[in-house]
PDB file of N, CA and C in Angstrom:
ATOM      1  N   MET A   1      30.354 128.249  26.400  1.00  0.00           N
ATOM      2  CA  MET A   1      31.334 128.502  27.529  1.00  0.00           C
ATOM      3  C   MET A   1      32.581 129.087  26.869  1.00  0.00           C
ATOM      4  N   GLU A   2      32.816 128.791  25.679  1.00  0.00           N
ATOM      5  CA  GLU A   2      34.160 129.341  25.121  1.00  0.00           C
ATOM      6  C   GLU A   2      33.945 130.826  25.024  1.00  0.00           C
ATOM      7  N   TYR A   3      32.840 131.413  24.747  1.00  0.00           N
ATOM      8  CA  TYR A   3      32.709 132.844  24.738  1.00  0.00           C
ATOM      9  C   TYR A   3      32.996 133.473  26.031  1.00  0.00           C
ATOM     10  N   LEU A   4      32.673 132.934  27.156  1.00  0.00           N
ATOM     11  CA  LEU A   4      33.054 133.441  28.355  1.00  0.00           C
ATOM     12  C   LEU A   4      34.506 133.362  28.702  1.00  0.00           C
ATOM     13  N   TYR A   5      34.999 132.043  28.323  1.00  0.00           N
ATOM     14  CA  TYR A   5      36.442 131.871  28.504  1.00  0.00           C
ATOM     15  C   TYR A   5      37.377 132.962  27.693  1.00  0.00           C
ATOM     16  N   ALA A   6      36.809 133.092  26.467  1.00  0.00           N
ATOM     17  CA  ALA A   6      37.607 134.107  25.670  1.00  0.00           C
ATOM     18  C   ALA A   6      37.462 135.523  26.342  1.00  0.00           C
ATOM     19  N   ALA A   7      36.432 135.878  26.777  1.00  0.00           N
ATOM     20  CA  ALA A   7      36.155 137.148  27.413  1.00  0.00           C
ATOM     21  C   ALA A   7      36.980 137.243  28.810  1.00  0.00           C
ATOM     22  N   LEU A   8      37.047 136.152  29.577  1.00  0.00           N
ATOM     23  CA  LEU A   8      37.907 136.171  30.770  1.00  0.00           C
ATOM     24  C   LEU A   8      39.405 136.346  30.297  1.00  0.00           C
ATOM     25  N   LEU A   9      39.799 135.677  29.273  1.00  0.00           N
ATOM     26  CA  LEU A   9      41.066 135.857  28.832  1.00  0.00           C
ATOM     27  C   LEU A   9      41.460 137.124  28.387  1.00  0.00           C
ATOM     28  N   LEU A  10      40.629 137.843  27.752  1.00  0.00           N
ATOM     29  CA  LEU A  10      40.810 139.127  27.318  1.00  0.00           C
ATOM     30  C   LEU A  10      40.970 140.094  28.511  1.00  0.00           C
ATOM     31  N   HIS A  11      40.076 139.921  29.503  1.00  0.00           N
ATOM     32  CA  HIS A  11      40.088 140.708  30.692  1.00  0.00           C
ATOM     33  C   HIS A  11      41.373 140.464  31.544  1.00  0.00           C
ATOM     34  N   LYS A  12      41.949 139.112  31.507  1.00  0.00           N
ATOM     35  CA  LYS A  12      43.141 138.924  32.299  1.00  0.00           C
ATOM     36  C   LYS A  12      44.350 139.474  31.613  1.00  0.00           C
ATOM     37  N   ALA A  13      44.177 139.698  30.300  1.00  0.00           N
ATOM     38  CA  ALA A  13      45.241 140.244  29.526  1.00  0.00           C
ATOM     39  C   ALA A  13      45.249 141.776  29.427  1.00  0.00           C
ATOM     40  N   GLY A  14      44.226 142.331  30.057  1.00  0.00           N
ATOM     41  CA  GLY A  14      44.040 143.753  30.190  1.00  0.00           C
ATOM     42  C   GLY A  14      43.533 144.374  28.844  1.00  0.00           C
ATOM     43  N   GLN A  15      42.865 143.582  27.979  1.00  0.00           N
ATOM     44  CA  GLN A  15      42.167 144.073  26.700  1.00  0.00           C
ATOM     45  C   GLN A  15      40.790 144.421  26.950  1.00  0.00           C
ATOM     46  N   LYS A  16      40.317 145.293  26.282  1.00  0.00           N
ATOM     47  CA  LYS A  16      38.984 145.499  26.218  1.00  0.00           C
ATOM     48  C   LYS A  16      38.060 144.460  25.540  1.00  0.00           C
ATOM     49  N   ILE A  17      36.983 144.174  26.296  1.00  0.00           N
ATOM     50  CA  ILE A  17      36.198 143.052  25.638  1.00  0.00           C
ATOM     51  C   ILE A  17      35.201 143.643  24.729  1.00  0.00           C
ATOM     52  N   THR A  18      35.723 143.659  23.448  1.00  0.00           N
ATOM     53  CA  THR A  18      34.814 144.128  22.322  1.00  0.00           C
ATOM     54  C   THR A  18      34.508 142.905  21.356  1.00  0.00           C
ATOM     55  N   GLU A  19      33.457 143.167  20.454  1.00  0.00           N
ATOM     56  CA  GLU A  19      33.225 142.252  19.653  1.00  0.00           C
ATOM     57  C   GLU A  19      34.321 141.812  18.629  1.00  0.00           C
ATOM     58  N   GLU A  20      35.192 142.637  18.208  1.00  0.00           N
ATOM     59  CA  GLU A  20      36.333 142.430  17.341  1.00  0.00           C
ATOM     60  C   GLU A  20      37.391 141.525  18.135  1.00  0.00           C
ATOM     61  N   ASN A  21      37.721 141.949  19.321  1.00  0.00           N
ATOM     62  CA  ASN A  21      38.480 141.239  20.153  1.00  0.00           C
ATOM     63  C   ASN A  21      38.199 139.795  20.508  1.00  0.00           C
ATOM     64  N   LEU A  22      36.756 139.848  20.847  1.00  0.00           N
ATOM     65  CA  LEU A  22      36.249 138.470  21.222  1.00  0.00           C
ATOM     66  C   LEU A  22      36.368 137.498  19.964  1.00  0.00           C
ATOM     67  N   LYS A  23      36.071 138.032  18.734  1.00  0.00           N
ATOM     68  CA  LYS A  23      36.021 137.224  17.576  1.00  0.00           C
ATOM     69  C   LYS A  23      37.472 136.814  17.342  1.00  0.00           C
ATOM     70  N   LYS A  24      38.387 137.622  17.450  1.00  0.00           N
ATOM     71  CA  LYS A  24      39.897 137.305  17.235  1.00  0.00           C
ATOM     72  C   LYS A  24      40.276 136.324  18.206  1.00  0.00           C
ATOM     73  N   THR A  25      40.113 136.341  19.509  1.00  0.00           N
ATOM     74  CA  THR A  25      40.414 135.472  20.475  1.00  0.00           C
ATOM     75  C   THR A  25      39.791 134.039  20.173  1.00  0.00           C
ATOM     76  N   LEU A  26      38.523 133.958  19.926  1.00  0.00           N
ATOM     77  CA  LEU A  26      37.820 132.694  19.491  1.00  0.00           C
ATOM     78  C   LEU A  26      38.454 132.095  18.365  1.00  0.00           C
ATOM     79  N   THR A  27      38.737 132.867  17.191  1.00  0.00           N
ATOM     80  CA  THR A  27      39.367 132.290  16.061  1.00  0.00           C
ATOM     81  C   THR A  27      40.840 131.756  16.379  1.00  0.00           C
ATOM     82  N   ALA A  28      41.468 132.516  17.178  1.00  0.00           N
ATOM     83  CA  ALA A  28      42.764 132.014  17.562  1.00  0.00           C
ATOM     84  C   ALA A  28      42.756 130.602  18.359  1.00  0.00           C
ATOM     85  N   ALA A  29      41.620 130.495  19.004  1.00  0.00           N
ATOM     86  CA  ALA A  29      41.441 129.165  19.706  1.00  0.00           C
ATOM     87  C   ALA A  29      40.937 128.051  18.814  1.00  0.00           C
ATOM     88  N   GLY A  30      40.513 128.373  17.626  1.00  0.00           N
ATOM     89  CA  GLY A  30      39.991 127.395  16.681  1.00  0.00           C
ATOM     90  C   GLY A  30      38.541 127.265  16.819  1.00  0.00           C
ATOM     91  N   VAL A  31      37.873 128.299  17.369  1.00  0.00           N
ATOM     92  CA  VAL A  31      36.363 128.258  17.533  1.00  0.00           C
ATOM     93  C   VAL A  31      35.751 129.072  16.356  1.00  0.00           C
ATOM     94  N   LYS A  32      34.824 128.654  15.643  1.00  0.00           N
ATOM     95  CA  LYS A  32      34.133 129.405  14.674  1.00  0.00           C
ATOM     96  C   LYS A  32      33.241 130.419  15.362  1.00  0.00           C
ATOM     97  N   ALA A  33      33.416 131.743  15.356  1.00  0.00           N
ATOM     98  CA  ALA A  33      32.658 132.731  16.103  1.00  0.00           C
ATOM     99  C   ALA A  33      31.406 132.918  15.426  1.00  0.00           C
ATOM    100  N   ASP A  34      30.266 132.824  16.305  1.00  0.00           N
ATOM    101  CA  ASP A  34      28.895 133.119  15.906  1.00  0.00           C
ATOM    102  C   ASP A  34      28.714 134.641  16.137  1.00  0.00           C
ATOM    103  N   ASP A  35      28.374 135.385  15.227  1.00  0.00           N
ATOM    104  CA  ASP A  35      28.258 136.982  15.454  1.00  0.00           C
ATOM    105  C   ASP A  35      27.221 137.244  16.386  1.00  0.00           C
ATOM    106  N   ALA A  36      26.059 136.603  16.432  1.00  0.00           N
ATOM    107  CA  ALA A  36      25.086 136.788  17.487  1.00  0.00           C
ATOM    108  C   ALA A  36      25.403 136.497  18.808  1.00  0.00           C
ATOM    109  N   ARG A  37      26.189 135.508  19.163  1.00  0.00           N
ATOM    110  CA  ARG A  37      26.631 135.042  20.437  1.00  0.00           C
ATOM    111  C   ARG A  37      27.745 136.002  20.862  1.00  0.00           C
ATOM    112  N   VAL A  38      28.552 136.409  19.897  1.00  0.00           N
ATOM    113  CA  VAL A  38      29.545 137.348  20.248  1.00  0.00           C
ATOM    114  C   VAL A  38      29.013 138.626  20.808  1.00  0.00           C
ATOM    115  N   LYS A  39      28.039 139.130  19.981  1.00  0.00           N
ATOM    116  CA  LYS A  39      27.290 140.437  20.427  1.00  0.00           C
ATOM    117  C   LYS A  39      26.606 140.320  21.697  1.00  0.00           C
ATOM    118  N   ALA A  40      25.881 139.167  21.785  1.00  0.00           N
ATOM    119  CA  ALA A  40      25.226 138.772  23.118  1.00  0.00           C
ATOM    120  C   ALA A  40      26.265 138.781  24.332  1.00  0.00           C
ATOM    121  N   THR A  41      27.263 138.152  24.167  1.00  0.00           N
ATOM    122  CA  THR A  41      28.312 138.082  25.227  1.00  0.00           C
ATOM    123  C   THR A  41      28.904 139.343  25.537  1.00  0.00           C
ATOM    124  N   THR A  42      29.249 140.407  24.588  1.00  0.00           N
ATOM    125  CA  THR A  42      29.790 141.612  24.792  1.00  0.00           C
ATOM    126  C   THR A  42      28.787 142.568  25.500  1.00  0.00           C
ATOM    127  N   THR A  43      27.524 142.399  25.049  1.00  0.00           N
ATOM    128  CA  THR A  43      26.422 143.219  25.493  1.00  0.00           C
ATOM    129  C   THR A  43      26.140 142.774  27.094  1.00  0.00           C
ATOM    130  N   ALA A  44      26.188 141.510  27.341  1.00  0.00           N
ATOM    131  CA  ALA A  44      26.045 141.002  28.635  1.00  0.00           C
ATOM    132  C   ALA A  44      27.036 141.409  29.733  1.00  0.00           C
ATOM    133  N   LEU A  45      28.292 141.485  29.212  1.00  0.00           N
ATOM    134  CA  LEU A  45      29.470 141.814  30.028  1.00  0.00           C
ATOM    135  C   LEU A  45      29.662 143.263  30.102  1.00  0.00           C
ATOM    136  N   ASN A  46      28.920 144.009  29.420  1.00  0.00           N
ATOM    137  CA  ASN A  46      29.286 145.542  29.281  1.00  0.00           C
ATOM    138  C   ASN A  46      29.236 146.092  30.642  1.00  0.00           C
ATOM    139  N   ASP A  47      28.441 145.929  31.414  1.00  0.00           N
ATOM    140  CA  ASP A  47      28.186 146.749  32.742  1.00  0.00           C
ATOM    141  C   ASP A  47      28.651 145.792  33.912  1.00  0.00           C
ATOM    142  N   VAL A  48      29.371 144.671  33.714  1.00  0.00           N
ATOM    143  CA  VAL A  48      29.791 143.665  34.749  1.00  0.00           C
ATOM    144  C   VAL A  48      31.125 144.040  35.173  1.00  0.00           C
ATOM    145  N   ASP A  49      31.415 144.191  36.524  1.00  0.00           N
ATOM    146  CA  ASP A  49      32.706 144.368  37.027  1.00  0.00           C
ATOM    147  C   ASP A  49      33.239 142.972  37.214  1.00  0.00           C
ATOM    148  N   ILE A  50      34.014 142.445  36.346  1.00  0.00           N
ATOM    149  CA  ILE A  50      34.621 141.187  36.331  1.00  0.00           C
ATOM    150  C   ILE A  50      35.354 140.785  37.570  1.00  0.00           C
ATOM    151  N   ASP A  51      36.256 141.610  37.884  1.00  0.00           N
ATOM    152  CA  ASP A  51      37.099 141.411  39.171  1.00  0.00           C
ATOM    153  C   ASP A  51      36.310 141.250  40.316  1.00  0.00           C
ATOM    154  N   LYS A  52      35.179 142.028  40.516  1.00  0.00           N
ATOM    155  CA  LYS A  52      34.326 142.103  41.722  1.00  0.00           C
ATOM    156  C   LYS A  52      33.506 140.693  41.626  1.00  0.00           C
ATOM    157  N   THR A  53      33.070 140.379  40.482  1.00  0.00           N
ATOM    158  CA  THR A  53      32.330 139.182  40.220  1.00  0.00           C
ATOM    159  C   THR A  53      33.116 137.937  40.707  1.00  0.00           C
ATOM    160  N   ILE A  54      34.355 137.925  40.240  1.00  0.00           N
ATOM    161  CA  ILE A  54      35.241 136.748  40.527  1.00  0.00           C
ATOM    162  C   ILE A  54      35.560 136.681  42.122  1.00  0.00           C
ATOM    163  N   ALA A  55      35.729 137.938  42.622  1.00  0.00           N
ATOM    164  CA  ALA A  55      36.272 137.867  44.094  1.00  0.00           C
ATOM    165  C   ALA A  55      34.882 137.400  44.876  1.00  0.00           C
ATOM    166  N   GLU A  56      33.612 137.605  44.458  1.00  0.00           N
ATOM    167  CA  GLU A  56      32.479 137.186  45.287  1.00  0.00           C
ATOM    168  C   GLU A  56      32.136 135.866  44.980  1.00  0.00           C
ATOM    169  N   THR A  57      32.525 135.307  43.943  1.00  0.00           N
ATOM    170  CA  THR A  57      32.087 133.811  43.449  1.00  0.00           C
ATOM    171  C   THR A  57      32.818 132.908  44.413  1.00  0.00           C
ATOM    172  N   THR A  58      32.034 131.938  44.832  1.00  0.00           N
ATOM    173  CA  THR A  58      32.707 130.741  45.659  1.00  0.00           C
ATOM    174  C   THR A  58      32.894 129.695  44.799  1.00  0.00           C
ATOM    175  N   VAL A  59      34.075 128.974  45.176  1.00  0.00           N
ATOM    176  CA  VAL A  59      34.349 127.741  44.441  1.00  0.00           C
ATOM    177  C   VAL A  59      33.553 126.540  44.876  1.00  0.00           C
ATOM    178  N   ALA A  60      33.090 125.722  43.839  1.00  0.00           N
ATOM    179  CA  ALA A  60      32.265 124.653  44.174  1.00  0.00           C
ATOM    180  C   ALA A  60      33.095 123.595  44.886  1.00  0.00           C
ATOM    181  N   ALA A  61      32.494 122.905  45.794  1.00  0.00           N
ATOM    182  CA  ALA A  61      33.184 121.783  46.506  1.00  0.00           C
ATOM    183  C   ALA A  61      33.407 120.647  45.513  1.00  0.00           C
ATOM    184  N   ALA A  62      34.510 119.959  45.725  1.00  0.00           N
ATOM    185  CA  ALA A  62      35.006 118.869  44.945  1.00  0.00           C
ATOM    186  C   ALA A  62      34.033 117.699  45.230  1.00  0.00           C
ATOM    187  N   PRO A  63      33.675 116.961  44.099  1.00  0.00           N
ATOM    188  CA  PRO A  63      32.833 115.751  44.199  1.00  0.00           C
ATOM    189  C   PRO A  63      33.418 114.787  45.164  1.00  0.00           C
ATOM    190  N   VAL A  64      32.433 113.985  45.793  1.00  0.00           N
ATOM    191  CA  VAL A  64      32.881 113.071  46.695  1.00  0.00           C
ATOM    192  C   VAL A  64      33.372 111.820  46.123  1.00  0.00           C
ATOM    193  N   ALA A  65      34.382 111.225  46.464  1.00  0.00           N
ATOM    194  CA  ALA A  65      34.987 110.076  46.037  1.00  0.00           C
ATOM    195  C   ALA A  65      33.898 108.925  46.230  1.00  0.00           C
ATOM    196  N   SER A  66      33.954 107.833  45.310  1.00  0.00           N
ATOM    197  CA  SER A  66      33.032 106.771  45.439  1.00  0.00           C
ATOM    198  C   SER A  66      33.136 105.934  46.684  1.00  0.00           C
ATOM    199  N   GLY A  67      34.312 105.818  47.147  1.00  0.00           N
ATOM    200  CA  GLY A  67      34.570 105.140  48.283  1.00  0.00           C
ATOM    201  C   GLY A  67      34.544 105.921  49.680  1.00  0.00           C
ATOM    202  N   ALA A  68      33.970 107.103  49.720  1.00  0.00           N
ATOM    203  CA  ALA A  68      33.956 107.938  50.829  1.00  0.00           C
ATOM    204  C   ALA A  68      32.770 107.428  51.676  1.00  0.00           C
ATOM    205  N   ALA A  69      32.955 107.681  53.047  1.00  0.00           N
ATOM    206  CA  ALA A  69      31.916 107.355  54.083  1.00  0.00           C
ATOM    207  C   ALA A  69      30.598 108.257  53.803  1.00  0.00           C
ATOM    208  N   PRO A  70      29.399 107.671  54.127  1.00  0.00           N
ATOM    209  CA  PRO A  70      28.239 108.405  53.984  1.00  0.00           C
ATOM    210  C   PRO A  70      28.253 109.699  54.934  1.00  0.00           C
ATOM    211  N   ALA A  71      27.541 110.645  54.638  1.00  0.00           N
ATOM    212  CA  ALA A  71      27.614 111.901  55.477  1.00  0.00           C
ATOM    213  C   ALA A  71      27.289 111.723  56.801  1.00  0.00           C
ATOM    214  N   ASN A  72      26.514 110.748  57.249  1.00  0.00           N
ATOM    215  CA  ASN A  72      26.030 110.609  58.689  1.00  0.00           C
ATOM    216  C   ASN A  72      27.031 109.609  59.343  1.00  0.00           C
ATOM    217  N   GLU A  73      28.137 109.164  58.674  1.00  0.00           N
ATOM    218  CA  GLU A  73      29.175 108.482  59.424  1.00  0.00           C
ATOM    219  C   GLU A  73      30.373 109.221  59.650  1.00  0.00           C
ATOM    220  N   ALA A  74      30.935 109.122  60.713  1.00  0.00           N
ATOM    221  CA  ALA A  74      32.218 109.813  60.956  1.00  0.00           C
ATOM    222  C   ALA A  74      33.370 109.099  60.095  1.00  0.00           C
ATOM    223  N   PRO A  75      34.210 109.795  59.483  1.00  0.00           N
ATOM    224  CA  PRO A  75      35.342 109.301  58.709  1.00  0.00           C
ATOM    225  C   PRO A  75      36.259 108.585  59.702  1.00  0.00           C
ATOM    226  N   LYS A  76      36.802 107.563  59.191  1.00  0.00           N
ATOM    227  CA  LYS A  76      37.831 106.899  60.109  1.00  0.00           C
ATOM    228  C   LYS A  76      39.178 107.578  59.980  1.00  0.00           C
ATOM    229  N   LYS A  77      39.842 107.635  61.165  1.00  0.00           N
ATOM    230  CA  LYS A  77      41.160 108.225  61.134  1.00  0.00           C
ATOM    231  C   LYS A  77      42.122 107.247  60.697  1.00  0.00           C
ATOM    232  N   GLU A  78      42.990 107.828  59.853  1.00  0.00           N
ATOM    233  CA  GLU A  78      44.019 107.115  59.138  1.00  0.00           C
ATOM    234  C   GLU A  78      45.374 107.536  59.821  1.00  0.00           C
ATOM    235  N   GLU A  79      46.261 106.722  60.052  1.00  0.00           N
ATOM    236  CA  GLU A  79      47.583 107.094  60.603  1.00  0.00           C
ATOM    237  C   GLU A  79      48.417 107.465  59.283  1.00  0.00           C
ATOM    238  N   LYS A  80      49.031 108.728  59.456  1.00  0.00           N
ATOM    239  CA  LYS A  80      49.956 109.229  58.315  1.00  0.00           C
ATOM    240  C   LYS A  80      51.407 108.678  58.602  1.00  0.00           C
ATOM    241  N   LYS A  81      52.024 108.283  57.490  1.00  0.00           N
ATOM    242  CA  LYS A  81      53.514 107.869  57.727  1.00  0.00           C
ATOM    243  C   LYS A  81      54.309 109.282  57.543  1.00  0.00           C
ATOM    244  N   GLU A  82      55.502 109.092  58.057  1.00  0.00           N
ATOM    245  CA  GLU A  82      56.456 110.260  57.929  1.00  0.00           C
ATOM    246  C   GLU A  82      56.749 110.640  56.428  1.00  0.00           C
ATOM    247  N   GLU A  83      56.712 109.608  55.544  1.00  0.00           N
ATOM    248  CA  GLU A  83      56.960 109.734  54.167  1.00  0.00           C
ATOM    249  C   GLU A  83      55.940 110.642  53.490  1.00  0.00           C
ATOM    250  N   ASP A  84      54.648 110.522  53.933  1.00  0.00           N
ATOM    251  CA  ASP A  84      53.631 111.281  53.251  1.00  0.00           C
ATOM    252  C   ASP A  84      53.794 112.863  53.441  1.00  0.00           C
ATOM    253  N   LYS A  85      54.401 113.131  54.707  1.00  0.00           N
ATOM    254  CA  LYS A  85      54.438 114.540  55.066  1.00  0.00           C
ATOM    255  C   LYS A  85      55.628 115.258  54.191  1.00  0.00           C
ATOM    256  N   GLY A  86      56.429 114.440  53.650  1.00  0.00           N
ATOM    257  CA  GLY A  86      57.509 115.110  52.866  1.00  0.00           C
ATOM    258  C   GLY A  86      57.245 115.096  51.494  1.00  0.00           C
ATOM    259  N   ALA A  87      56.056 115.036  50.887  1.00  0.00           N
ATOM    260  CA  ALA A  87      55.819 115.186  49.464  1.00  0.00           C
ATOM    261  C   ALA A  87      56.244 116.530  49.029  1.00  0.00           C
ATOM    262  N   SER A  88      57.052 116.477  47.942  1.00  0.00           N
ATOM    263  CA  SER A  88      57.481 117.792  47.313  1.00  0.00           C
ATOM    264  C   SER A  88      56.406 118.441  46.579  1.00  0.00           C
ATOM    265  N   VAL A  89      56.669 119.757  46.367  1.00  0.00           N
ATOM    266  CA  VAL A  89      55.672 120.497  45.536  1.00  0.00           C
ATOM    267  C   VAL A  89      55.675 120.059  44.084  1.00  0.00           C
ATOM    268  N   GLU A  90      56.831 119.694  43.626  1.00  0.00           N
ATOM    269  CA  GLU A  90      56.902 119.023  42.150  1.00  0.00           C
ATOM    270  C   GLU A  90      55.980 117.842  42.116  1.00  0.00           C
ATOM    271  N   GLU A  91      56.093 116.913  43.118  1.00  0.00           N
ATOM    272  CA  GLU A  91      55.179 115.767  43.079  1.00  0.00           C
ATOM    273  C   GLU A  91      53.659 116.160  43.006  1.00  0.00           C
ATOM    274  N   ALA A  92      53.266 117.026  43.849  1.00  0.00           N
ATOM    275  CA  ALA A  92      51.957 117.475  43.965  1.00  0.00           C
ATOM    276  C   ALA A  92      51.477 118.008  42.658  1.00  0.00           C
ATOM    277  N   ALA A  93      52.366 118.975  42.048  1.00  0.00           N
ATOM    278  CA  ALA A  93      52.127 119.564  40.834  1.00  0.00           C
ATOM    279  C   ALA A  93      51.966 118.457  39.607  1.00  0.00           C
ATOM    280  N   ALA A  94      52.730 117.459  39.799  1.00  0.00           N
ATOM    281  CA  ALA A  94      52.629 116.337  38.697  1.00  0.00           C
ATOM    282  C   ALA A  94      51.268 115.692  38.781  1.00  0.00           C
ATOM    283  N   GLY A  95      50.884 115.517  40.068  1.00  0.00           N
ATOM    284  CA  GLY A  95      49.684 114.853  40.219  1.00  0.00           C
ATOM    285  C   GLY A  95      48.383 115.682  39.623  1.00  0.00           C
ATOM    286  N   LEU A  96      48.497 116.891  39.884  1.00  0.00           N
ATOM    287  CA  LEU A  96      47.459 117.777  39.375  1.00  0.00           C
ATOM    288  C   LEU A  96      47.492 117.843  37.773  1.00  0.00           C
ATOM    289  N   GLY A  97      48.590 117.733  37.319  1.00  0.00           N
ATOM    290  CA  GLY A  97      48.854 117.780  35.791  1.00  0.00           C
ATOM    291  C   GLY A  97      47.974 116.648  35.279  1.00  0.00           C
ATOM    292  N   ALA A  98      47.904 115.553  35.749  1.00  0.00           N
ATOM    293  CA  ALA A  98      47.174 114.390  35.146  1.00  0.00           C
ATOM    294  C   ALA A  98      45.638 114.741  35.190  1.00  0.00           C
ATOM    295  N   LEU A  99      45.107 115.683  35.879  1.00  0.00           N
ATOM    296  CA  LEU A  99      43.748 115.989  35.759  1.00  0.00           C
ATOM    297  C   LEU A  99      43.452 116.755  34.455  1.00  0.00           C
ATOM    298  N   PHE A 100      44.298 117.437  33.947  1.00  0.00           N
ATOM    299  CA  PHE A 100      44.176 118.211  32.783  1.00  0.00           C
ATOM    300  C   PHE A 100      44.645 117.619  31.431  1.00  0.00           C
ATOM    301  N   GLY A 101      45.084 116.453  31.535  1.00  0.00           N
ATOM    302  CA  GLY A 101      45.511 115.703  30.319  1.00  0.00           C
ATOM    303  C   GLY A 101      46.887 115.964  30.007  1.00  0.00           C
TER     304      GLY A 101
END
């Protein structure tokens, strides 16, 4: 996966995805680049329109929480408090930050 991540990083930065650039990116990330995998990755991505592929790709659904109702049961409606509606963007971002360590 790190080879694809490095390729996507190069693409996002506007750099050409070449073996040399891919090796440099992997090395900068602390990954020992395998020449065969670098070559395979660059060859595989040679004719791929990355922007089009990203646009066409759907995002996978989030996993269901362990306490969720089964699919055949209707979820119970919960009353929302006025305080819950006022959650700030900073609070939401702080909660998301916990997902990534």
